[in-house]
Amino acid sequence: MTGLLVVTAVPAEAAAVRTGLTDPTATVVPVGVGPAVAGAATARLLALAEAAGRPYRGVVSAGVAGGFAHRVAVGGTVLAERSLAADLGAESPQGFIPIDELGMTAEQLGGPVAVEADPALLAALRSALPDAVVGTVLTVGTVTGTAASTRALAVRHPDAVAEAMEGHGVAVAATQAGLPFLEIRTISNPIGPRDRDAWRLREALTALGSAAAALDAVGADGG
């Protein structure tokens, strides 16, 4: 058995993770943007490792994210208690209907709409990162970009702290492989109207490297 598989969307996130994570048994791979490619690539990596007789110990989805301004500060770190497919569902005159309220079962969906973090991984990271904000991290296919949609999302998910685009896809792949999973994010911008000048991507990547250092202890302890 090898160490953790840490999946990011883009190379810059992978490079940031590698500045903090020095465990030689860990593997850090940028797989692309969005839940579909993240899930497919993670499943392939897990299958190849298992076929080679070197299965991973656990899976971490890591990267930068948008944060709900009243719940987490830009530059802060969040740990996902659960990774939730926030825009999987249907529109209606009464508003958005989550897919699990449309009569779809987890078996039909291929996995739960909200994947819970592995308790041992989450506890270890909470201990190592006491200032991290813990809550639900939303996975979306379209980044939220208006004040109205931000308010609606915050009301619909009162325990959500951030949104990103890969976590749930990675989580489903890990779950189907029977492996522990956790999502960790650092905040580059508040969720809402897009103001690229206000983004703090460099600071978020630096924070991601610092947060990734906590994964060394997790890998050494076996999760």
C-alpha atoms as a PDB file:
ATOM      1  CA  MET A   1       0.000   0.000   0.000  1.00  0.00           C
ATOM      2  CA  THR A   2       1.213   3.482  -0.863  1.00  0.00           C
ATOM      3  CA  GLY A   3       0.301   6.795   0.755  1.00  0.00           C
ATOM      4  CA  LEU A   4      -2.300   9.413  -0.013  1.00  0.00           C
ATOM      5  CA  LEU A   5      -3.462  10.377  -3.492  1.00  0.00           C
ATOM      6  CA  VAL A   6      -3.885  14.162  -3.510  1.00  0.00           C
ATOM      7  CA  VAL A   7      -5.918  15.383  -6.482  1.00  0.00           C
ATOM      8  CA  THR A   8      -5.949  19.013  -7.633  1.00  0.00           C
ATOM      9  CA  ALA A   9      -7.558  20.682 -10.632  1.00  0.00           C
ATOM     10  CA  VAL A  10      -4.606  22.624 -12.058  1.00  0.00           C
ATOM     11  CA  PRO A  11      -0.804  22.404 -11.921  1.00  0.00           C
ATOM     12  CA  ALA A  12      -0.457  25.577  -9.824  1.00  0.00           C
ATOM     13  CA  GLU A  13      -2.483  23.936  -7.040  1.00  0.00           C
ATOM     14  CA  ALA A  14      -0.424  20.746  -7.295  1.00  0.00           C
ATOM     15  CA  ALA A  15       2.793  22.767  -7.056  1.00  0.00           C
ATOM     16  CA  ALA A  16       1.478  24.559  -3.973  1.00  0.00           C
ATOM     17  CA  VAL A  17       0.556  21.262  -2.322  1.00  0.00           C
ATOM     18  CA  ARG A  18       4.026  19.879  -3.021  1.00  0.00           C
ATOM     19  CA  THR A  19       5.666  22.807  -1.201  1.00  0.00           C
ATOM     20  CA  GLY A  20       4.077  21.626   2.033  1.00  0.00           C
ATOM     21  CA  LEU A  21       3.538  17.900   1.572  1.00  0.00           C
ATOM     22  CA  THR A  22       6.897  16.123   1.740  1.00  0.00           C
ATOM     23  CA  ASP A  23       5.707  12.574   2.478  1.00  0.00           C
ATOM     24  CA  PRO A  24       7.503  10.478  -0.195  1.00  0.00           C
ATOM     25  CA  THR A  25       4.672   7.931  -0.262  1.00  0.00           C
ATOM     26  CA  ALA A  26       2.103  10.559  -1.311  1.00  0.00           C
ATOM     27  CA  THR A  27       1.191  11.280  -4.930  1.00  0.00           C
ATOM     28  CA  VAL A  28      -0.024  14.706  -6.067  1.00  0.00           C
ATOM     29  CA  VAL A  29      -1.747  14.878  -9.467  1.00  0.00           C
ATOM     30  CA  PRO A  30      -3.491  17.766 -11.284  1.00  0.00           C
ATOM     31  CA  VAL A  31      -6.357  16.166 -13.218  1.00  0.00           C
ATOM     32  CA  GLY A  32      -8.373  19.030 -14.718  1.00  0.00           C
ATOM     33  CA  VAL A  33     -11.263  21.325 -13.907  1.00  0.00           C
ATOM     34  CA  GLY A  34     -14.783  20.178 -13.118  1.00  0.00           C
ATOM     35  CA  PRO A  35     -16.452  17.233 -11.393  1.00  0.00           C
ATOM     36  CA  ALA A  36     -16.617  14.932 -14.432  1.00  0.00           C
ATOM     37  CA  VAL A  37     -12.940  14.983 -15.377  1.00  0.00           C
ATOM     38  CA  ALA A  38     -11.899  14.973 -11.708  1.00  0.00           C
ATOM     39  CA  GLY A  39     -14.005  11.910 -10.960  1.00  0.00           C
ATOM     40  CA  ALA A  40     -12.951  10.035 -14.101  1.00  0.00           C
ATOM     41  CA  ALA A  41      -9.256  10.771 -13.658  1.00  0.00           C
ATOM     42  CA  THR A  42      -9.309   9.874  -9.974  1.00  0.00           C
ATOM     43  CA  ALA A  43     -11.070   6.582 -10.682  1.00  0.00           C
ATOM     44  CA  ARG A  44      -8.447   5.741 -13.313  1.00  0.00           C
ATOM     45  CA  LEU A  45      -5.553   6.551 -10.978  1.00  0.00           C
ATOM     46  CA  LEU A  46      -7.059   4.425  -8.221  1.00  0.00           C
ATOM     47  CA  ALA A  47      -7.710   1.503 -10.567  1.00  0.00           C
ATOM     48  CA  LEU A  48      -4.164   1.603 -11.976  1.00  0.00           C
ATOM     49  CA  ALA A  49      -2.647   1.682  -8.491  1.00  0.00           C
ATOM     50  CA  GLU A  50      -4.790  -1.228  -7.328  1.00  0.00           C
ATOM     51  CA  ALA A  51      -3.965  -3.267 -10.444  1.00  0.00           C
ATOM     52  CA  ALA A  52      -0.260  -2.680  -9.807  1.00  0.00           C
ATOM     53  CA  GLY A  53      -0.610  -3.978  -6.263  1.00  0.00           C
ATOM     54  CA  ARG A  54       0.102  -0.547  -4.753  1.00  0.00           C
ATOM     55  CA  PRO A  55      -3.319   0.803  -3.721  1.00  0.00           C
ATOM     56  CA  TYR A  56      -3.543   4.222  -2.152  1.00  0.00           C
ATOM     57  CA  ARG A  57      -4.304   4.652   1.536  1.00  0.00           C
ATOM     58  CA  GLY A  58      -6.755   7.481   1.020  1.00  0.00           C
ATOM     59  CA  VAL A  59      -7.780  10.295  -1.334  1.00  0.00           C
ATOM     60  CA  VAL A  60      -7.696  14.056  -0.792  1.00  0.00           C
ATOM     61  CA  SER A  61      -9.234  16.680  -3.059  1.00  0.00           C
ATOM     62  CA  ALA A  62      -7.217  19.884  -2.593  1.00  0.00           C
ATOM     63  CA  GLY A  63      -7.149  23.326  -4.140  1.00  0.00           C
ATOM     64  CA  VAL A  64      -8.409  26.877  -3.956  1.00  0.00           C
ATOM     65  CA  ALA A  65     -12.065  27.830  -3.735  1.00  0.00           C
ATOM     66  CA  GLY A  66     -14.545  30.624  -3.370  1.00  0.00           C
ATOM     67  CA  GLY A  67     -15.749  31.174   0.180  1.00  0.00           C
ATOM     68  CA  PHE A  68     -19.008  32.435   1.652  1.00  0.00           C
ATOM     69  CA  ALA A  69     -17.918  35.856   2.878  1.00  0.00           C
ATOM     70  CA  HIS A  70     -19.752  35.739   6.213  1.00  0.00           C
ATOM     71  CA  ARG A  71     -18.443  32.243   6.995  1.00  0.00           C
ATOM     72  CA  VAL A  72     -14.768  32.199   5.992  1.00  0.00           C
ATOM     73  CA  ALA A  73     -12.191  34.872   5.189  1.00  0.00           C
ATOM     74  CA  VAL A  74     -10.176  35.158   2.000  1.00  0.00           C
ATOM     75  CA  GLY A  75      -6.888  33.385   2.652  1.00  0.00           C
ATOM     76  CA  GLY A  76      -8.514  31.031   5.132  1.00  0.00           C
ATOM     77  CA  THR A  77      -8.522  27.244   5.057  1.00  0.00           C
ATOM     78  CA  VAL A  78     -11.628  25.069   5.021  1.00  0.00           C
ATOM     79  CA  LEU A  79     -12.054  21.369   5.709  1.00  0.00           C
ATOM     80  CA  ALA A  80     -15.099  19.682   4.225  1.00  0.00           C
ATOM     81  CA  GLU A  81     -17.259  17.674   6.596  1.00  0.00           C
ATOM     82  CA  ARG A  82     -19.003  16.665   3.395  1.00  0.00           C
ATOM     83  CA  SER A  83     -18.568  17.339  -0.315  1.00  0.00           C
ATOM     84  CA  LEU A  84     -21.925  18.013  -1.923  1.00  0.00           C
ATOM     85  CA  ALA A  85     -23.048  18.123  -5.572  1.00  0.00           C
ATOM     86  CA  ALA A  86     -24.859  21.442  -5.191  1.00  0.00           C
ATOM     87  CA  ASP A  87     -26.258  21.917  -8.693  1.00  0.00           C
ATOM     88  CA  LEU A  88     -27.324  18.335  -9.363  1.00  0.00           C
ATOM     89  CA  GLY A  89     -31.101  18.545  -9.608  1.00  0.00           C
ATOM     90  CA  ALA A  90     -33.864  20.384 -11.432  1.00  0.00           C
ATOM     91  CA  GLU A  91     -35.233  23.876 -11.747  1.00  0.00           C
ATOM     92  CA  SER A  92     -38.868  24.550 -10.912  1.00  0.00           C
ATOM     93  CA  PRO A  93     -41.123  27.594 -10.519  1.00  0.00           C
ATOM     94  CA  GLN A  94     -40.642  27.202  -6.766  1.00  0.00           C
ATOM     95  CA  GLY A  95     -36.854  27.117  -7.068  1.00  0.00           C
ATOM     96  CA  PHE A  96     -34.115  24.511  -7.263  1.00  0.00           C
ATOM     97  CA  ILE A  97     -34.973  20.893  -6.414  1.00  0.00           C
ATOM     98  CA  PRO A  98     -32.015  18.710  -5.325  1.00  0.00           C
ATOM     99  CA  ILE A  99     -31.708  15.427  -7.188  1.00  0.00           C
ATOM    100  CA  ASP A 100     -32.361  13.324  -4.082  1.00  0.00           C
ATOM    101  CA  GLU A 101     -35.738  15.055  -3.675  1.00  0.00           C
ATOM    102  CA  LEU A 102     -36.742  13.927  -7.161  1.00  0.00           C
ATOM    103  CA  GLY A 103     -36.942  10.291  -6.129  1.00  0.00           C
ATOM    104  CA  MET A 104     -33.440   9.279  -7.222  1.00  0.00           C
ATOM    105  CA  THR A 105     -31.633   6.862  -4.908  1.00  0.00           C
ATOM    106  CA  ALA A 106     -27.916   6.757  -4.140  1.00  0.00           C
ATOM    107  CA  GLU A 107     -27.720   3.475  -6.043  1.00  0.00           C
ATOM    108  CA  GLN A 108     -29.230   5.096  -9.146  1.00  0.00           C
ATOM    109  CA  LEU A 109     -26.885   8.048  -8.832  1.00  0.00           C
ATOM    110  CA  GLY A 110     -23.787   5.863  -8.362  1.00  0.00           C
ATOM    111  CA  GLY A 111     -23.075   7.441  -4.991  1.00  0.00           C
ATOM    112  CA  PRO A 112     -24.480   9.868  -2.431  1.00  0.00           C
ATOM    113  CA  VAL A 113     -25.199  13.483  -3.332  1.00  0.00           C
ATOM    114  CA  ALA A 114     -23.208  14.467  -0.236  1.00  0.00           C
ATOM    115  CA  VAL A 115     -20.110  12.389   0.519  1.00  0.00           C
ATOM    116  CA  GLU A 116     -19.066  12.552   4.160  1.00  0.00           C
ATOM    117  CA  ALA A 117     -15.398  13.077   4.982  1.00  0.00           C
ATOM    118  CA  ASP A 118     -13.576  10.159   6.535  1.00  0.00           C
ATOM    119  CA  PRO A 119     -13.861  10.748  10.310  1.00  0.00           C
ATOM    120  CA  ALA A 120     -10.238   9.812  11.068  1.00  0.00           C
ATOM    121  CA  LEU A 121      -8.821  12.002   8.307  1.00  0.00           C
ATOM    122  CA  LEU A 122     -11.041  14.909   9.314  1.00  0.00           C
ATOM    123  CA  ALA A 123     -10.129  14.593  12.986  1.00  0.00           C
ATOM    124  CA  ALA A 124      -6.420  14.497  12.195  1.00  0.00           C
ATOM    125  CA  LEU A 125      -6.619  17.577   9.962  1.00  0.00           C
ATOM    126  CA  ARG A 126      -8.766  19.481  12.458  1.00  0.00           C
ATOM    127  CA  SER A 127      -6.128  18.820  15.100  1.00  0.00           C
ATOM    128  CA  ALA A 128      -3.284  19.873  12.816  1.00  0.00           C
ATOM    129  CA  LEU A 129      -5.152  22.932  11.461  1.00  0.00           C
ATOM    130  CA  PRO A 130      -7.075  24.337  14.438  1.00  0.00           C
ATOM    131  CA  ASP A 131      -7.860  27.610  12.658  1.00  0.00           C
ATOM    132  CA  ALA A 132      -9.485  25.904   9.683  1.00  0.00           C
ATOM    133  CA  VAL A 133     -13.213  26.424   9.165  1.00  0.00           C
ATOM    134  CA  VAL A 134     -15.156  23.163   8.977  1.00  0.00           C
ATOM    135  CA  GLY A 135     -18.381  22.754   7.020  1.00  0.00           C
ATOM    136  CA  THR A 136     -19.860  21.628   3.735  1.00  0.00           C
ATOM    137  CA  VAL A 137     -17.930  22.362   0.553  1.00  0.00           C
ATOM    138  CA  LEU A 138     -20.186  22.610  -2.476  1.00  0.00           C
ATOM    139  CA  THR A 139     -19.219  21.172  -5.843  1.00  0.00           C
ATOM    140  CA  VAL A 140     -20.628  23.137  -8.782  1.00  0.00           C
ATOM    141  CA  GLY A 141     -20.347  22.895 -12.539  1.00  0.00           C
ATOM    142  CA  THR A 142     -20.967  26.623 -12.924  1.00  0.00           C
ATOM    143  CA  VAL A 143     -19.280  29.000 -10.504  1.00  0.00           C
ATOM    144  CA  THR A 144     -21.692  31.293  -8.664  1.00  0.00           C
ATOM    145  CA  GLY A 145     -21.390  34.840  -9.999  1.00  0.00           C
ATOM    146  CA  THR A 146     -24.309  37.002  -8.848  1.00  0.00           C
ATOM    147  CA  ALA A 147     -25.437  38.354  -5.504  1.00  0.00           C
ATOM    148  CA  ALA A 148     -28.873  36.772  -5.927  1.00  0.00           C
ATOM    149  CA  SER A 149     -27.543  33.287  -6.643  1.00  0.00           C
ATOM    150  CA  THR A 150     -25.061  33.607  -3.782  1.00  0.00           C
ATOM    151  CA  ARG A 151     -27.890  34.421  -1.359  1.00  0.00           C
ATOM    152  CA  ALA A 152     -29.988  31.538  -2.669  1.00  0.00           C
ATOM    153  CA  LEU A 153     -27.091  29.118  -2.323  1.00  0.00           C
ATOM    154  CA  ALA A 154     -26.322  30.279   1.202  1.00  0.00           C
ATOM    155  CA  VAL A 155     -29.953  29.840   2.242  1.00  0.00           C
ATOM    156  CA  ARG A 156     -30.201  26.419   0.622  1.00  0.00           C
ATOM    157  CA  HIS A 157     -26.978  25.262   2.289  1.00  0.00           C
ATOM    158  CA  PRO A 158     -26.665  27.006   5.658  1.00  0.00           C
ATOM    159  CA  ASP A 159     -23.681  24.864   6.667  1.00  0.00           C
ATOM    160  CA  ALA A 160     -21.721  25.506   3.441  1.00  0.00           C
ATOM    161  CA  VAL A 161     -18.426  27.360   3.754  1.00  0.00           C
ATOM    162  CA  ALA A 162     -17.062  27.244   0.196  1.00  0.00           C
ATOM    163  CA  GLU A 163     -17.665  26.163  -3.373  1.00  0.00           C
ATOM    164  CA  ALA A 164     -15.298  24.531  -5.837  1.00  0.00           C
ATOM    165  CA  MET A 165     -15.618  22.367  -8.932  1.00  0.00           C
ATOM    166  CA  GLU A 166     -14.049  18.956  -8.256  1.00  0.00           C
ATOM    167  CA  GLY A 167     -14.608  17.666  -4.729  1.00  0.00           C
ATOM    168  CA  HIS A 168     -17.739  15.589  -5.212  1.00  0.00           C
ATOM    169  CA  GLY A 169     -16.378  13.907  -8.337  1.00  0.00           C
ATOM    170  CA  VAL A 170     -13.206  12.907  -6.514  1.00  0.00           C
ATOM    171  CA  ALA A 171     -15.236  11.841  -3.502  1.00  0.00           C
ATOM    172  CA  VAL A 172     -17.447   9.483  -5.526  1.00  0.00           C
ATOM    173  CA  ALA A 173     -14.378   7.860  -7.100  1.00  0.00           C
ATOM    174  CA  ALA A 174     -12.826   7.350  -3.662  1.00  0.00           C
ATOM    175  CA  THR A 175     -16.082   5.994  -2.246  1.00  0.00           C
ATOM    176  CA  GLN A 176     -16.502   3.496  -5.078  1.00  0.00           C
ATOM    177  CA  ALA A 177     -12.933   2.324  -4.432  1.00  0.00           C
ATOM    178  CA  GLY A 178     -13.665   1.919  -0.720  1.00  0.00           C
ATOM    179  CA  LEU A 179     -11.051   4.509   0.319  1.00  0.00           C
ATOM    180  CA  PRO A 180     -11.117   7.289   2.929  1.00  0.00           C
ATOM    181  CA  PHE A 181     -11.733  10.742   1.463  1.00  0.00           C
ATOM    182  CA  LEU A 182     -11.290  14.352   2.515  1.00  0.00           C
ATOM    183  CA  GLU A 183     -11.540  17.724   0.759  1.00  0.00           C
ATOM    184  CA  ILE A 184      -9.355  20.669   1.797  1.00  0.00           C
ATOM    185  CA  ARG A 185      -9.582  24.148   0.274  1.00  0.00           C
ATOM    186  CA  THR A 186      -8.060  27.584   0.749  1.00  0.00           C
ATOM    187  CA  ILE A 187     -10.049  30.685  -0.141  1.00  0.00           C
ATOM    188  CA  SER A 188      -8.961  32.942  -2.993  1.00  0.00           C
ATOM    189  CA  ASN A 189     -12.118  35.039  -3.296  1.00  0.00           C
ATOM    190  CA  PRO A 190     -15.595  35.539  -1.881  1.00  0.00           C
ATOM    191  CA  ILE A 191     -18.440  33.826  -3.710  1.00  0.00           C
ATOM    192  CA  GLY A 192     -20.537  36.301  -5.681  1.00  0.00           C
ATOM    193  CA  PRO A 193     -20.128  38.835  -8.507  1.00  0.00           C
ATOM    194  CA  ARG A 194     -16.830  38.159 -10.254  1.00  0.00           C
ATOM    195  CA  ASP A 195     -14.170  40.747  -9.429  1.00  0.00           C
ATOM    196  CA  ARG A 196     -10.867  39.274 -10.547  1.00  0.00           C
ATOM    197  CA  ASP A 197      -8.969  42.293  -9.237  1.00  0.00           C
ATOM    198  CA  ALA A 198     -10.112  41.397  -5.731  1.00  0.00           C
ATOM    199  CA  TRP A 199      -8.989  37.770  -5.943  1.00  0.00           C
ATOM    200  CA  ARG A 200      -6.040  36.754  -3.784  1.00  0.00           C
ATOM    201  CA  LEU A 201      -4.904  33.681  -5.679  1.00  0.00           C
ATOM    202  CA  ARG A 202      -1.264  33.938  -4.659  1.00  0.00           C
ATOM    203  CA  GLU A 203      -2.195  34.153  -0.989  1.00  0.00           C
ATOM    204  CA  ALA A 204      -4.574  31.209  -1.353  1.00  0.00           C
ATOM    205  CA  LEU A 205      -1.896  29.070  -3.002  1.00  0.00           C
ATOM    206  CA  THR A 206       0.566  29.938  -0.248  1.00  0.00           C
ATOM    207  CA  ALA A 207      -2.055  28.971   2.329  1.00  0.00           C
ATOM    208  CA  LEU A 208      -2.657  25.730   0.432  1.00  0.00           C
ATOM    209  CA  GLY A 209       1.006  24.807   0.769  1.00  0.00           C
ATOM    210  CA  SER A 210       0.900  25.497   4.492  1.00  0.00           C
ATOM    211  CA  ALA A 211      -2.269  23.463   4.906  1.00  0.00           C
ATOM    212  CA  ALA A 212      -0.832  20.588   2.869  1.00  0.00           C
ATOM    213  CA  ALA A 213       1.975  20.227   5.385  1.00  0.00           C
ATOM    214  CA  ALA A 214      -0.598  18.799   7.794  1.00  0.00           C
ATOM    215  CA  LEU A 215      -1.092  15.879   5.407  1.00  0.00           C
ATOM    216  CA  ASP A 216       2.421  14.609   6.201  1.00  0.00           C
ATOM    217  CA  ALA A 217       1.293  13.489   9.633  1.00  0.00           C
ATOM    218  CA  VAL A 218      -1.843  11.923   8.219  1.00  0.00           C
ATOM    219  CA  GLY A 219       0.172   9.922   5.708  1.00  0.00           C
ATOM    220  CA  ALA A 220       2.690   8.841   8.303  1.00  0.00           C
ATOM    221  CA  ASP A 221      -0.050   7.734  10.682  1.00  0.00           C
ATOM    222  CA  GLY A 222      -1.875   5.787   8.014  1.00  0.00           C
ATOM    223  CA  GLY A 223      -4.925   8.045   7.967  1.00  0.00           C
END
